[in-house]
Amino acid sequence: MEYIIFGWVIFAIIALIMLKGFLDERKKKKEFILWLRNHYGDLPKKHDYQEGEMHKISRYFRVHGNEVFHVDDITWNDLSMDDVFQRMNYTYSAAGEEYLYYLLRTPMQDTDQIDQLEQQITYFMEEKEERIAYQALFAEIGKTGKYSIYDYLDYLDLLGRRNNWIHHAGNIAIVLSLALMYFSVQYGILLLVIVMGRNIVTYFKSKNEIDPYVTSFAYILRLMQNVEKMEKLPSGAFGKETEELKECRKTLGKFKSGSYIIMSSARMSGSSNPLEILLDYIRMVFHVDLIKFNQMLAEVQKNKASIDRMQTIIGFMETVIAIGAFRASLDAYCIPRFDKRRGMKAENLYHPLLNEPVKNSILTEKGVLITGSNASGKSTFLKTVAMNAIFAQTIHTCMADSYSAGLYRIMSSMTLRDDLAGGDSYYIVEIKSLKRILNTVKEDGNPVLCFVDEVLRGTNTVERIAASTQILKSLSKSSVLCFAATHDIELTHLLEKCYNNYHFEEEIMDKDVVFHYRLLKGKATTRNAIKLLGVMGYDENIIQEAETLAEKFLEEGSWG
């Protein structure tokens, strides 16, 4: 009787632990949904991106990016697009953040799908409850840990084809040892001990080999489980996507069947749960989880295309909703318009990473040459225009009152550095960077929209001006629209027929410098670089001698 009571007590304790876990999880989900309901459009929750995390997030792009025109690494880094991505990362799943990154690096080159994208973004901005339901499911899918699912899929290939015969042989040996006991208990027990000992030793060796891959299986299962839940939601704007997800899920039916034996969170974890302890011993002796792993591995290797497609569709769906949240976070935005005319028209452009941005407008049908002193706003303006051009052709959203332009292949050559590893000087890095733009202009495709900051700053004045003039002339063809910033006033005269001139100014007031960051038409007419030396406390003799030398050169054309 005591044993029965003890058994019921153990059962009750296990039931209470399971109930508490269930209630805690339910409470956590309710709090998350409440947060989604009350904080739509708030800045993304603070997240410290660890070293290597952006590489993981870029893996979907690295697999699929070469299929279409994409923003190359130089341009991406020039525009600090990792920071821009982090500012607008309203995703909760690995699929969502990897697809959002991919989208930002692949500006569309035609408008075939843009209307459907806009309808889906607008739908979920308006349908609050449906949006929250999907976001809750994306959060349940969650992340993949240190590595992308594509890293895991690559690693799975290293395992090759794994056969279960050795595990089945061990189980057959156990059955034979039990049968031997019928004839000789002594020898039967001896054989059973030997076989079980051998099974336990080989179990831990095989377990250590497969454990790193279990994370990827858990993620795939979460994809499948939440796809099932999505199928029960109103079709809304994702009817077509849900049907395709359903078909992908069906192809992985064998992968899911019986997966608990290996996917239990308490597997071989030292759990105090008596049921899990019993299951651990069964796993060690009979290798049931190793056998199931090999079966699941075979299903993954056979259905990689379906897994990739599920990742793509779910990533796209969550990105659509994240774009809406990003729009809701902005003080102002517009829906871009596209036309086939060369040029750009944009009113009150601004950059989302600036807390109090100064907005600027641009209207041009040909290249733009921008002059002005250091820190006056030239580079920031170039980055603002470039980033908005990318946003227009990716998330169909611009930080402006209005934006109208063509569809472009977008490139830049701005924040370059010496290549110490490759042995290239700054000048060599510069001319290589510019050459890749000139090469792209010659290739078939949409016109190139390029941004160049301080053309050929890595060489002497005479050769810089001569070479810069010819390079910028080459970038003034009908197949390219170039925005370039320079300190060389000479270029504004040499290129005035093929570039519109704009400039930024600053004022020296009470021995301080004031930047207004306003884009003005025409060439820069002020020279404040030497005056800025005085603001920074340089010796007055240095400043006066420099001013005299500069005036002499402007009057006589030589340094004397």
Protein backbone atom coordinates (compact mmCIF):
# COMPACT_ATOMS: atom_id res chain seq x y z
CA MET A 1 0.00 0.00 0.00
CA GLU A 2 2.86 2.35 0.87
CA TYR A 3 4.33 1.82 -2.61
CA ILE A 4 1.05 2.79 -4.24
CA ILE A 5 0.80 5.97 -2.16
CA PHE A 6 4.43 6.80 -2.89
CA GLY A 7 3.79 6.29 -6.62
CA TRP A 8 0.79 8.62 -6.55
CA VAL A 9 2.78 11.26 -4.69
CA ILE A 10 5.54 11.12 -7.30
CA PHE A 11 2.95 11.30 -10.06
CA ALA A 12 1.28 14.31 -8.41
CA ILE A 13 4.63 16.12 -8.05
CA ILE A 14 5.44 15.52 -11.72
CA ALA A 15 1.96 16.72 -12.72
CA LEU A 16 2.32 19.89 -10.62
CA ILE A 17 5.75 20.65 -12.13
CA MET A 18 4.34 20.20 -15.63
CA LEU A 19 1.30 22.35 -14.80
CA LYS A 20 3.49 25.13 -13.39
CA GLY A 21 5.66 25.07 -16.53
CA PHE A 22 2.56 25.25 -18.70
CA LEU A 23 1.07 28.16 -16.72
CA ASP A 24 4.38 30.06 -16.70
CA GLU A 25 4.70 29.67 -20.45
CA ARG A 26 1.11 30.79 -20.95
CA LYS A 27 1.67 33.86 -18.74
CA LYS A 28 4.84 34.73 -20.64
CA LYS A 29 2.99 34.51 -23.96
CA LYS A 30 0.16 36.75 -22.69
CA GLU A 31 2.67 39.37 -21.52
CA PHE A 32 4.41 39.27 -24.91
CA ILE A 33 1.12 39.72 -26.79
CA LEU A 34 0.21 42.62 -24.49
CA TRP A 35 3.59 44.20 -25.25
CA LEU A 36 3.00 43.81 -28.99
CA ARG A 37 -0.42 45.40 -28.65
CA ASN A 38 0.81 48.44 -26.72
CA HIS A 39 4.22 49.07 -28.28
CA TYR A 40 3.67 48.88 -32.03
CA GLY A 41 6.16 51.19 -33.73
CA ASP A 42 8.37 51.65 -30.65
CA LEU A 43 12.08 51.34 -31.29
CA PRO A 44 13.23 47.69 -31.40
CA LYS A 45 14.08 46.21 -28.01
CA LYS A 46 17.72 46.93 -27.18
CA HIS A 47 19.91 44.08 -28.30
CA ASP A 48 23.69 43.94 -28.12
CA TYR A 49 24.75 42.32 -31.36
CA GLN A 50 27.65 40.02 -30.55
CA GLU A 51 30.74 39.59 -32.68
CA GLY A 52 29.88 37.36 -35.60
CA GLU A 53 26.11 37.77 -35.19
CA MET A 54 25.72 39.91 -38.30
CA HIS A 55 27.63 37.25 -40.25
CA LYS A 56 25.07 34.69 -39.09
CA ILE A 57 22.20 37.00 -40.06
CA SER A 58 23.71 37.44 -43.52
CA ARG A 59 23.78 33.70 -44.29
CA TYR A 60 20.48 33.60 -46.19
CA PHE A 61 21.78 36.42 -48.36
CA ARG A 62 25.10 34.64 -48.91
CA VAL A 63 23.18 31.58 -50.16
CA HIS A 64 20.67 33.43 -52.36
CA GLY A 65 22.16 36.89 -53.02
CA ASN A 66 24.01 35.99 -56.21
CA GLU A 67 20.72 35.09 -57.90
CA VAL A 68 19.88 38.80 -58.39
CA PHE A 69 21.56 42.21 -58.42
CA HIS A 70 22.67 43.02 -54.89
CA VAL A 71 24.27 45.78 -52.88
CA ASP A 72 27.93 44.74 -52.71
CA ASP A 73 30.03 44.69 -49.54
CA ILE A 74 31.78 48.00 -50.28
CA THR A 75 28.50 49.87 -50.67
CA TRP A 76 26.91 48.12 -47.68
CA ASN A 77 29.80 49.09 -45.44
CA ASP A 78 30.07 52.63 -46.88
CA LEU A 79 26.47 53.28 -45.85
CA SER A 80 26.76 51.63 -42.39
CA MET A 81 23.87 49.40 -43.37
CA ASP A 82 24.47 46.97 -40.50
CA ASP A 83 23.46 49.81 -38.17
CA VAL A 84 20.47 50.69 -40.36
CA PHE A 85 19.38 47.03 -40.34
CA GLN A 86 19.60 46.89 -36.55
CA ARG A 87 17.49 50.05 -36.28
CA MET A 88 14.66 48.46 -38.29
CA ASN A 89 14.95 44.86 -37.10
CA TYR A 90 11.44 44.27 -35.74
CA THR A 91 11.65 40.52 -36.35
CA TYR A 92 11.49 37.72 -33.77
CA SER A 93 12.56 34.66 -35.78
CA ALA A 94 15.80 33.71 -37.48
CA ALA A 95 13.90 33.38 -40.76
CA GLY A 96 12.56 36.93 -40.40
CA GLU A 97 15.82 38.71 -39.61
CA GLU A 98 17.79 36.80 -42.26
CA TYR A 99 15.20 37.60 -44.94
CA LEU A 100 15.03 41.27 -43.90
CA TYR A 101 18.81 41.48 -44.28
CA TYR A 102 18.56 39.76 -47.67
CA LEU A 103 15.83 42.15 -48.82
CA LEU A 104 17.87 45.23 -47.92
CA ARG A 105 20.76 43.90 -50.01
CA THR A 106 18.71 43.06 -53.12
CA PRO A 107 17.02 46.21 -54.50
CA MET A 108 14.29 45.18 -56.92
CA GLN A 109 15.01 45.85 -60.58
CA ASP A 110 11.39 45.76 -61.78
CA THR A 111 8.00 46.62 -60.29
CA ASP A 112 6.21 43.32 -60.91
CA GLN A 113 5.69 42.47 -57.23
CA ILE A 114 5.69 45.93 -55.69
CA ASP A 115 1.90 46.40 -55.66
CA GLN A 116 1.35 43.09 -53.86
CA LEU A 117 4.08 43.92 -51.32
CA GLU A 118 2.49 47.29 -50.58
CA GLN A 119 -0.95 45.71 -50.13
CA GLN A 120 0.46 43.20 -47.65
CA ILE A 121 2.36 45.86 -45.67
CA THR A 122 -0.74 48.09 -45.48
CA TYR A 123 -3.01 45.18 -44.56
CA PHE A 124 -1.02 44.25 -41.47
CA MET A 125 -0.56 47.86 -40.42
CA GLU A 126 -4.36 48.08 -40.30
CA GLU A 127 -5.29 44.57 -39.06
CA LYS A 128 -3.88 44.75 -35.54
CA GLU A 129 -5.09 41.44 -34.09
CA GLU A 130 -4.09 39.39 -37.10
CA ARG A 131 -0.65 41.03 -37.09
CA ILE A 132 -0.18 40.18 -33.42
CA ALA A 133 -1.24 36.56 -33.99
CA TYR A 134 1.42 36.13 -36.66
CA GLN A 135 4.10 37.90 -34.59
CA ALA A 136 3.40 35.56 -31.66
CA LEU A 137 3.99 32.56 -33.93
CA PHE A 138 7.19 34.08 -35.34
CA ALA A 139 8.43 34.51 -31.75
CA GLU A 140 7.67 30.83 -31.04
CA ILE A 141 9.83 29.86 -34.02
CA GLY A 142 12.60 31.95 -32.48
CA LYS A 143 16.29 32.04 -33.32
CA THR A 144 18.84 29.33 -34.12
CA GLY A 145 21.51 30.19 -31.59
CA LYS A 146 25.07 30.91 -32.61
CA TYR A 147 24.69 29.68 -36.19
CA SER A 148 22.24 30.10 -39.05
CA ILE A 149 20.09 27.20 -40.21
CA TYR A 150 22.16 27.33 -43.42
CA ASP A 151 25.34 26.75 -41.42
CA TYR A 152 23.70 23.72 -39.83
CA LEU A 153 22.51 22.39 -43.19
CA ASP A 154 26.05 22.67 -44.52
CA TYR A 155 27.40 20.88 -41.44
CA LEU A 156 24.82 18.11 -41.86
CA ASP A 157 26.39 17.29 -45.23
CA LEU A 158 29.62 16.54 -43.37
CA LEU A 159 27.82 13.70 -41.58
CA GLY A 160 27.08 12.01 -44.89
CA ARG A 161 24.74 9.02 -44.97
CA ARG A 162 24.50 7.38 -41.53
CA ASN A 163 23.33 3.80 -41.28
CA ASN A 164 21.38 2.36 -38.34
CA TRP A 165 22.56 -1.20 -38.78
CA ILE A 166 25.13 -0.97 -35.98
CA HIS A 167 22.43 0.23 -33.54
CA HIS A 168 19.99 -2.43 -34.66
CA ALA A 169 22.74 -5.04 -34.27
CA GLY A 170 23.22 -3.99 -30.64
CA ASN A 171 19.50 -4.32 -29.95
CA ILE A 172 19.37 -7.73 -31.63
CA ALA A 173 22.29 -8.81 -29.43
CA ILE A 174 20.26 -7.83 -26.33
CA VAL A 175 17.34 -9.96 -27.55
CA LEU A 176 19.70 -12.88 -28.21
CA SER A 177 21.23 -12.59 -24.72
CA LEU A 178 17.73 -12.71 -23.21
CA ALA A 179 16.97 -15.77 -25.31
CA LEU A 180 20.22 -17.40 -24.20
CA MET A 181 19.04 -17.15 -20.60
CA TYR A 182 16.41 -19.75 -21.46
CA PHE A 183 19.21 -22.23 -22.05
CA SER A 184 21.85 -20.87 -19.63
CA VAL A 185 21.08 -18.10 -17.19
CA GLN A 186 24.75 -17.60 -16.35
CA TYR A 187 25.94 -17.16 -19.91
CA GLY A 188 22.82 -15.17 -20.86
CA ILE A 189 23.42 -12.63 -18.07
CA LEU A 190 27.12 -12.43 -18.95
CA LEU A 191 26.32 -11.71 -22.61
CA LEU A 192 23.62 -9.19 -21.62
CA VAL A 193 26.08 -7.27 -19.39
CA ILE A 194 28.72 -7.21 -22.15
CA VAL A 195 26.25 -6.06 -24.82
CA MET A 196 24.66 -3.39 -22.61
CA GLY A 197 28.09 -2.12 -21.57
CA ARG A 198 29.18 -1.92 -25.20
CA ASN A 199 25.93 -0.13 -26.14
CA ILE A 200 26.34 2.45 -23.37
CA VAL A 201 29.98 3.19 -24.28
CA THR A 202 29.23 3.59 -28.01
CA TYR A 203 26.11 5.63 -27.18
CA PHE A 204 28.02 8.49 -25.61
CA LYS A 205 30.52 8.58 -28.46
CA SER A 206 27.73 8.85 -31.05
CA LYS A 207 25.73 11.25 -28.87
CA ASN A 208 28.64 13.70 -28.75
CA GLU A 209 28.81 13.60 -32.57
CA ILE A 210 25.13 14.40 -33.14
CA ASP A 211 24.38 16.87 -30.31
CA PRO A 212 25.65 19.95 -32.20
CA TYR A 213 23.14 19.18 -34.97
CA VAL A 214 20.09 18.73 -32.75
CA THR A 215 19.65 22.53 -32.58
CA SER A 216 18.93 22.65 -36.31
CA PHE A 217 16.38 19.84 -36.02
CA ALA A 218 14.64 21.68 -33.17
CA TYR A 219 14.41 24.81 -35.32
CA ILE A 220 12.98 22.89 -38.29
CA LEU A 221 10.38 21.31 -35.99
CA ARG A 222 9.40 24.74 -34.67
CA LEU A 223 8.98 25.90 -38.26
CA MET A 224 6.65 22.97 -38.97
CA GLN A 225 4.66 23.30 -35.75
CA ASN A 226 4.02 27.01 -36.26
CA VAL A 227 3.16 26.53 -39.93
CA GLU A 228 0.37 24.24 -38.70
CA LYS A 229 -0.84 27.03 -36.43
CA MET A 230 -0.61 29.57 -39.27
CA GLU A 231 -2.88 27.38 -41.38
CA LYS A 232 -5.63 27.99 -38.82
CA LEU A 233 -5.30 31.79 -38.90
CA PRO A 234 -7.41 33.91 -41.27
CA SER A 235 -5.81 33.77 -44.72
CA GLY A 236 -5.78 37.57 -44.95
CA ALA A 237 -2.88 38.82 -47.05
CA PHE A 238 -0.92 35.56 -46.79
CA GLY A 239 -3.29 33.11 -48.45
CA LYS A 240 -0.91 32.08 -51.22
CA GLU A 241 2.07 31.87 -48.86
CA THR A 242 0.16 29.72 -46.33
CA GLU A 243 -0.85 27.19 -48.99
CA GLU A 244 2.74 26.82 -50.15
CA LEU A 245 3.94 26.43 -46.56
CA LYS A 246 1.37 23.69 -46.04
CA GLU A 247 2.73 21.72 -48.99
CA CYS A 248 6.31 22.07 -47.72
CA ARG A 249 5.25 20.89 -44.27
CA LYS A 250 3.63 17.78 -45.69
CA THR A 251 6.83 16.73 -47.41
CA LEU A 252 8.53 16.67 -43.98
CA GLY A 253 5.90 14.55 -42.24
CA LYS A 254 8.30 11.65 -41.58
CA PHE A 255 10.81 14.07 -40.07
CA LYS A 256 8.35 15.10 -37.36
CA SER A 257 6.93 11.66 -36.54
CA GLY A 258 8.42 10.34 -33.29
CA SER A 259 10.79 13.30 -32.95
CA TYR A 260 10.11 13.67 -29.20
CA ILE A 261 12.51 10.84 -28.40
CA ILE A 262 15.42 13.03 -29.49
CA MET A 263 13.99 16.55 -29.15
CA SER A 264 12.97 16.33 -25.48
CA SER A 265 14.55 19.29 -23.70
CA ALA A 266 15.32 17.02 -20.72
CA ARG A 267 17.19 14.44 -22.84
CA MET A 268 20.38 13.41 -21.02
CA SER A 269 20.29 16.64 -19.01
CA GLY A 270 20.26 15.23 -15.50
CA SER A 271 16.56 15.94 -15.10
CA SER A 272 14.98 14.92 -11.80
CA ASN A 273 11.84 13.85 -13.62
CA PRO A 274 11.55 10.05 -13.04
CA LEU A 275 9.98 9.52 -16.46
CA GLU A 276 12.86 11.34 -18.17
CA ILE A 277 15.40 9.38 -16.11
CA LEU A 278 13.81 6.14 -17.31
CA LEU A 279 13.83 7.39 -20.92
CA ASP A 280 17.53 8.32 -20.60
CA TYR A 281 18.39 4.74 -19.64
CA ILE A 282 16.32 3.43 -22.55
CA ARG A 283 18.19 5.77 -24.89
CA MET A 284 21.58 4.67 -23.58
CA VAL A 285 20.85 0.96 -23.88
CA PHE A 286 18.74 0.80 -27.04
CA HIS A 287 20.04 3.89 -28.93
CA VAL A 288 16.49 4.88 -29.86
CA ASP A 289 17.41 8.57 -30.15
CA LEU A 290 20.44 7.81 -32.31
CA ILE A 291 18.30 5.70 -34.62
CA LYS A 292 15.70 8.47 -34.82
CA PHE A 293 18.41 11.08 -35.47
CA ASN A 294 19.67 9.14 -38.48
CA GLN A 295 16.12 8.83 -39.82
CA MET A 296 15.55 12.58 -39.35
CA LEU A 297 18.92 13.34 -40.94
CA ALA A 298 17.95 11.36 -44.04
CA GLU A 299 14.67 13.30 -44.27
CA VAL A 300 16.48 16.66 -43.97
CA GLN A 301 19.04 15.72 -46.63
CA LYS A 302 16.22 14.61 -48.92
CA ASN A 303 14.05 17.71 -48.35
CA LYS A 304 16.53 20.60 -48.18
CA ALA A 305 14.60 22.47 -50.87
CA SER A 306 11.38 22.35 -48.81
CA ILE A 307 13.20 23.58 -45.68
CA ASP A 308 14.76 26.43 -47.65
CA ARG A 309 11.38 27.33 -49.13
CA MET A 310 9.73 27.36 -45.69
CA GLN A 311 12.53 29.57 -44.38
CA THR A 312 12.08 31.92 -47.35
CA ILE A 313 8.29 32.22 -47.09
CA ILE A 314 8.19 32.67 -43.32
CA GLY A 315 11.07 35.15 -43.57
CA PHE A 316 9.18 37.13 -46.20
CA MET A 317 5.97 37.10 -44.15
CA GLU A 318 7.67 38.39 -41.04
CA THR A 319 9.61 41.00 -43.03
CA VAL A 320 6.33 42.38 -44.41
CA ILE A 321 5.07 42.91 -40.84
CA ALA A 322 8.44 44.31 -39.69
CA ILE A 323 8.33 46.93 -42.47
CA GLY A 324 4.97 48.11 -41.16
CA ALA A 325 6.38 48.39 -37.62
CA PHE A 326 9.35 50.35 -38.97
CA ARG A 327 7.01 52.74 -40.79
CA ALA A 328 5.03 53.25 -37.58
CA SER A 329 8.27 54.21 -35.78
CA LEU A 330 9.08 57.05 -38.20
CA ASP A 331 8.15 60.69 -37.80
CA ALA A 332 7.54 60.90 -41.53
CA TYR A 333 7.77 58.57 -44.51
CA CYS A 334 6.42 58.30 -48.03
CA ILE A 335 5.65 55.62 -50.60
CA PRO A 336 8.15 56.01 -53.47
CA ARG A 337 7.13 56.46 -57.08
CA PHE A 338 9.14 54.99 -59.93
CA ASP A 339 9.52 56.27 -63.47
CA LYS A 340 11.84 55.66 -66.40
CA ARG A 341 13.24 59.17 -66.52
CA ARG A 342 16.85 59.72 -65.51
CA GLY A 343 17.24 61.69 -62.33
CA MET A 344 15.68 62.03 -58.90
CA LYS A 345 13.14 64.24 -57.16
CA ALA A 346 12.89 64.03 -53.38
CA GLU A 347 11.56 66.42 -50.77
CA ASN A 348 12.80 66.59 -47.17
CA LEU A 349 15.00 63.50 -47.16
CA TYR A 350 16.44 62.45 -43.82
CA HIS A 351 18.47 59.63 -42.27
CA PRO A 352 16.78 57.33 -39.67
CA LEU A 353 19.91 57.00 -37.51
CA LEU A 354 20.06 60.75 -36.75
CA ASN A 355 18.15 61.90 -33.67
CA GLU A 356 17.44 65.41 -34.98
CA PRO A 357 18.10 65.22 -38.72
CA VAL A 358 18.20 68.28 -40.95
CA LYS A 359 16.03 67.42 -43.93
CA ASN A 360 17.16 68.28 -47.47
CA SER A 361 15.57 68.13 -50.90
CA ILE A 362 17.02 67.33 -54.30
CA LEU A 363 15.79 67.76 -57.87
CA THR A 364 18.11 66.75 -60.67
CA GLU A 365 18.05 65.13 -64.09
CA LYS A 366 21.80 64.68 -64.25
CA GLY A 367 24.77 64.09 -61.95
CA VAL A 368 25.22 66.11 -58.77
CA LEU A 369 28.54 67.58 -57.61
CA ILE A 370 28.61 68.69 -53.97
CA THR A 371 31.24 71.00 -52.48
CA GLY A 372 31.83 72.29 -48.97
CA SER A 373 34.26 72.00 -46.08
CA ASN A 374 34.86 69.00 -43.85
CA ALA A 375 32.00 68.12 -41.48
CA SER A 376 29.61 70.41 -43.35
CA GLY A 377 27.26 67.55 -44.27
CA LYS A 378 28.41 66.29 -47.68
CA SER A 379 29.01 62.66 -46.72
CA THR A 380 25.87 62.45 -44.59
CA PHE A 381 23.80 63.76 -47.49
CA LEU A 382 25.30 61.21 -49.89
CA LYS A 383 24.52 58.42 -47.41
CA THR A 384 20.99 59.72 -46.89
CA VAL A 385 20.21 59.73 -50.62
CA ALA A 386 21.82 56.33 -51.17
CA MET A 387 20.04 54.72 -48.22
CA ASN A 388 16.67 56.10 -49.31
CA ALA A 389 17.25 54.82 -52.84
CA ILE A 390 17.91 51.36 -51.40
CA PHE A 391 14.84 51.58 -49.14
CA ALA A 392 12.68 52.66 -52.08
CA GLN A 393 13.62 49.54 -54.04
CA THR A 394 13.53 47.11 -51.10
CA ILE A 395 11.01 47.99 -48.36
CA HIS A 396 9.03 50.42 -50.58
CA THR A 397 9.45 53.13 -47.96
CA CYS A 398 11.41 56.39 -47.99
CA MET A 399 12.31 58.78 -45.20
CA ALA A 400 11.01 61.82 -47.05
CA ASP A 401 7.85 63.76 -47.83
CA SER A 402 8.08 62.53 -51.42
CA TYR A 403 10.46 60.47 -53.53
CA SER A 404 10.43 59.86 -57.26
CA ALA A 405 13.21 58.20 -59.24
CA GLY A 406 14.02 55.38 -61.60
CA LEU A 407 14.98 51.83 -60.68
CA TYR A 408 18.73 51.73 -60.23
CA ARG A 409 21.65 49.46 -59.50
CA ILE A 410 23.05 51.26 -56.45
CA MET A 411 26.79 51.46 -55.70
CA SER A 412 29.19 53.66 -53.77
CA SER A 413 32.86 54.44 -53.21
CA MET A 414 33.09 56.41 -49.99
CA THR A 415 34.68 55.22 -46.74
CA LEU A 416 37.65 53.31 -48.11
CA ARG A 417 40.78 52.19 -46.21
CA ASP A 418 44.25 50.93 -47.00
CA ASP A 419 44.23 47.18 -47.62
CA LEU A 420 47.10 46.16 -45.34
CA ALA A 421 46.44 42.44 -45.79
CA GLY A 422 46.41 42.73 -49.58
CA GLY A 423 49.30 45.20 -49.65
CA ASP A 424 47.29 47.88 -51.48
CA SER A 425 47.75 51.58 -50.75
CA TYR A 426 44.76 53.86 -50.27
CA TYR A 427 45.05 55.10 -53.86
CA ILE A 428 45.05 51.56 -55.27
CA VAL A 429 42.00 50.67 -53.16
CA GLU A 430 40.32 53.84 -54.47
CA ILE A 431 40.90 53.19 -58.16
CA LYS A 432 39.83 49.56 -57.79
CA SER A 433 36.62 50.67 -56.11
CA LEU A 434 35.86 53.22 -58.84
CA LYS A 435 36.74 50.72 -61.58
CA ARG A 436 34.11 48.27 -60.33
CA ILE A 437 31.48 51.01 -60.76
CA LEU A 438 32.67 51.81 -64.29
CA ASN A 439 32.58 48.09 -65.13
CA THR A 440 29.01 47.77 -63.83
CA VAL A 441 27.90 50.74 -65.96
CA LYS A 442 29.02 48.80 -69.06
CA GLU A 443 27.01 45.72 -68.10
CA ASP A 444 23.40 45.14 -69.14
CA GLY A 445 20.76 46.18 -66.64
CA ASN A 446 19.09 49.21 -65.14
CA PRO A 447 21.02 52.51 -64.89
CA VAL A 448 23.60 52.77 -62.11
CA LEU A 449 23.07 55.18 -59.24
CA CYS A 450 26.49 55.78 -57.69
CA PHE A 451 27.88 57.83 -54.81
CA VAL A 452 31.52 58.95 -54.70
CA ASP A 453 33.01 60.83 -51.76
CA GLU A 454 36.23 62.80 -52.42
CA VAL A 455 37.30 61.36 -55.75
CA LEU A 456 40.92 60.11 -55.74
CA ARG A 457 41.83 61.82 -52.47
CA GLY A 458 44.81 59.47 -52.21
CA THR A 459 47.01 61.25 -54.78
CA ASN A 460 48.49 64.69 -55.58
CA THR A 461 46.35 67.69 -56.51
CA VAL A 462 47.23 68.05 -60.23
CA GLU A 463 46.76 64.39 -61.11
CA ARG A 464 43.73 64.08 -58.83
CA ILE A 465 41.87 66.89 -60.59
CA ALA A 466 42.82 65.67 -64.07
CA ALA A 467 41.88 62.05 -63.40
CA SER A 468 38.78 62.92 -61.35
CA THR A 469 37.45 65.07 -64.20
CA GLN A 470 37.65 62.23 -66.68
CA ILE A 471 36.26 59.60 -64.31
CA LEU A 472 33.30 61.79 -63.36
CA LYS A 473 32.68 62.56 -67.04
CA SER A 474 32.50 58.81 -67.64
CA LEU A 475 29.93 58.65 -64.83
CA SER A 476 27.74 61.32 -66.45
CA LYS A 477 26.42 59.10 -69.24
CA SER A 478 22.71 58.40 -69.67
CA SER A 479 23.18 54.94 -68.12
CA VAL A 480 24.38 56.34 -64.80
CA LEU A 481 23.41 58.97 -62.25
CA CYS A 482 26.34 60.03 -60.07
CA PHE A 483 26.34 61.98 -56.79
CA ALA A 484 29.89 63.07 -55.96
CA ALA A 485 31.35 65.16 -53.13
CA THR A 486 34.65 67.00 -53.46
CA HIS A 487 36.85 69.69 -51.93
CA ASP A 488 38.26 70.55 -55.35
CA ILE A 489 36.44 73.70 -56.50
CA GLU A 490 38.17 73.27 -59.88
CA LEU A 491 35.88 70.33 -60.64
CA THR A 492 32.79 72.51 -60.40
CA HIS A 493 34.08 74.52 -63.38
CA LEU A 494 35.44 71.60 -65.39
CA LEU A 495 32.21 69.57 -65.00
CA GLU A 496 29.53 72.26 -64.94
CA LYS A 497 28.04 71.07 -68.26
CA CYS A 498 27.37 67.53 -67.06
CA TYR A 499 26.80 68.00 -63.31
CA ASN A 500 24.49 70.19 -61.25
CA ASN A 501 26.37 72.01 -58.51
CA TYR A 502 25.23 72.01 -54.89
CA HIS A 503 27.10 72.90 -51.72
CA PHE A 504 27.03 73.06 -47.92
CA GLU A 505 28.18 76.05 -45.88
CA GLU A 506 29.10 76.81 -42.29
CA GLU A 507 29.63 80.01 -40.32
CA ILE A 508 32.41 81.12 -38.00
CA MET A 509 30.66 82.85 -35.11
CA ASP A 510 32.36 84.06 -31.92
CA LYS A 511 35.39 81.90 -32.59
CA ASP A 512 33.18 78.88 -33.04
CA VAL A 513 32.01 77.03 -36.12
CA VAL A 514 28.28 76.54 -36.80
CA PHE A 515 27.15 73.97 -39.33
CA HIS A 516 23.65 74.37 -40.77
CA TYR A 517 23.69 71.15 -42.85
CA ARG A 518 21.45 72.76 -45.47
CA LEU A 519 21.97 71.76 -49.10
CA LEU A 520 22.26 74.90 -51.23
CA LYS A 521 22.30 75.32 -55.00
CA GLY A 522 25.49 76.34 -56.76
CA LYS A 523 29.20 76.05 -56.00
CA ALA A 524 30.76 76.60 -52.59
CA THR A 525 31.90 80.21 -52.33
CA THR A 526 33.50 80.25 -48.89
CA ARG A 527 36.81 78.87 -47.63
CA ASN A 528 36.80 78.08 -43.94
CA ALA A 529 39.37 75.32 -43.58
CA ILE A 530 42.14 77.68 -42.42
CA LYS A 531 39.76 79.64 -40.21
CA LEU A 532 38.80 76.38 -38.51
CA LEU A 533 42.42 76.08 -37.36
CA GLY A 534 41.86 79.20 -35.30
CA VAL A 535 38.66 77.78 -33.82
CA MET A 536 40.62 74.73 -32.74
CA GLY A 537 43.28 76.89 -31.01
CA TYR A 538 46.15 76.83 -33.55
CA ASP A 539 48.87 79.50 -33.28
CA GLU A 540 47.87 82.78 -34.97
CA ASN A 541 51.12 82.91 -37.01
CA ILE A 542 50.33 79.55 -38.61
CA ILE A 543 46.87 80.79 -39.59
CA GLN A 544 48.07 84.13 -41.04
CA GLU A 545 50.88 82.55 -43.05
CA ALA A 546 48.49 79.91 -44.40
CA GLU A 547 45.95 82.57 -45.45
CA THR A 548 48.68 84.59 -47.22
CA LEU A 549 49.93 81.52 -49.06
CA ALA A 550 46.42 80.54 -50.16
CA GLU A 551 45.60 84.06 -51.40
CA LYS A 552 48.86 84.17 -53.38
CA PHE A 553 48.03 80.89 -55.10
CA LEU A 554 44.49 82.03 -55.99
CA GLU A 555 45.85 85.27 -57.49
CA GLU A 556 48.93 83.96 -59.32
CA GLY A 557 48.17 80.27 -59.86
CA SER A 558 51.44 79.17 -58.24
CA TRP A 559 52.70 78.52 -54.73
CA GLY A 560 55.76 80.78 -55.11
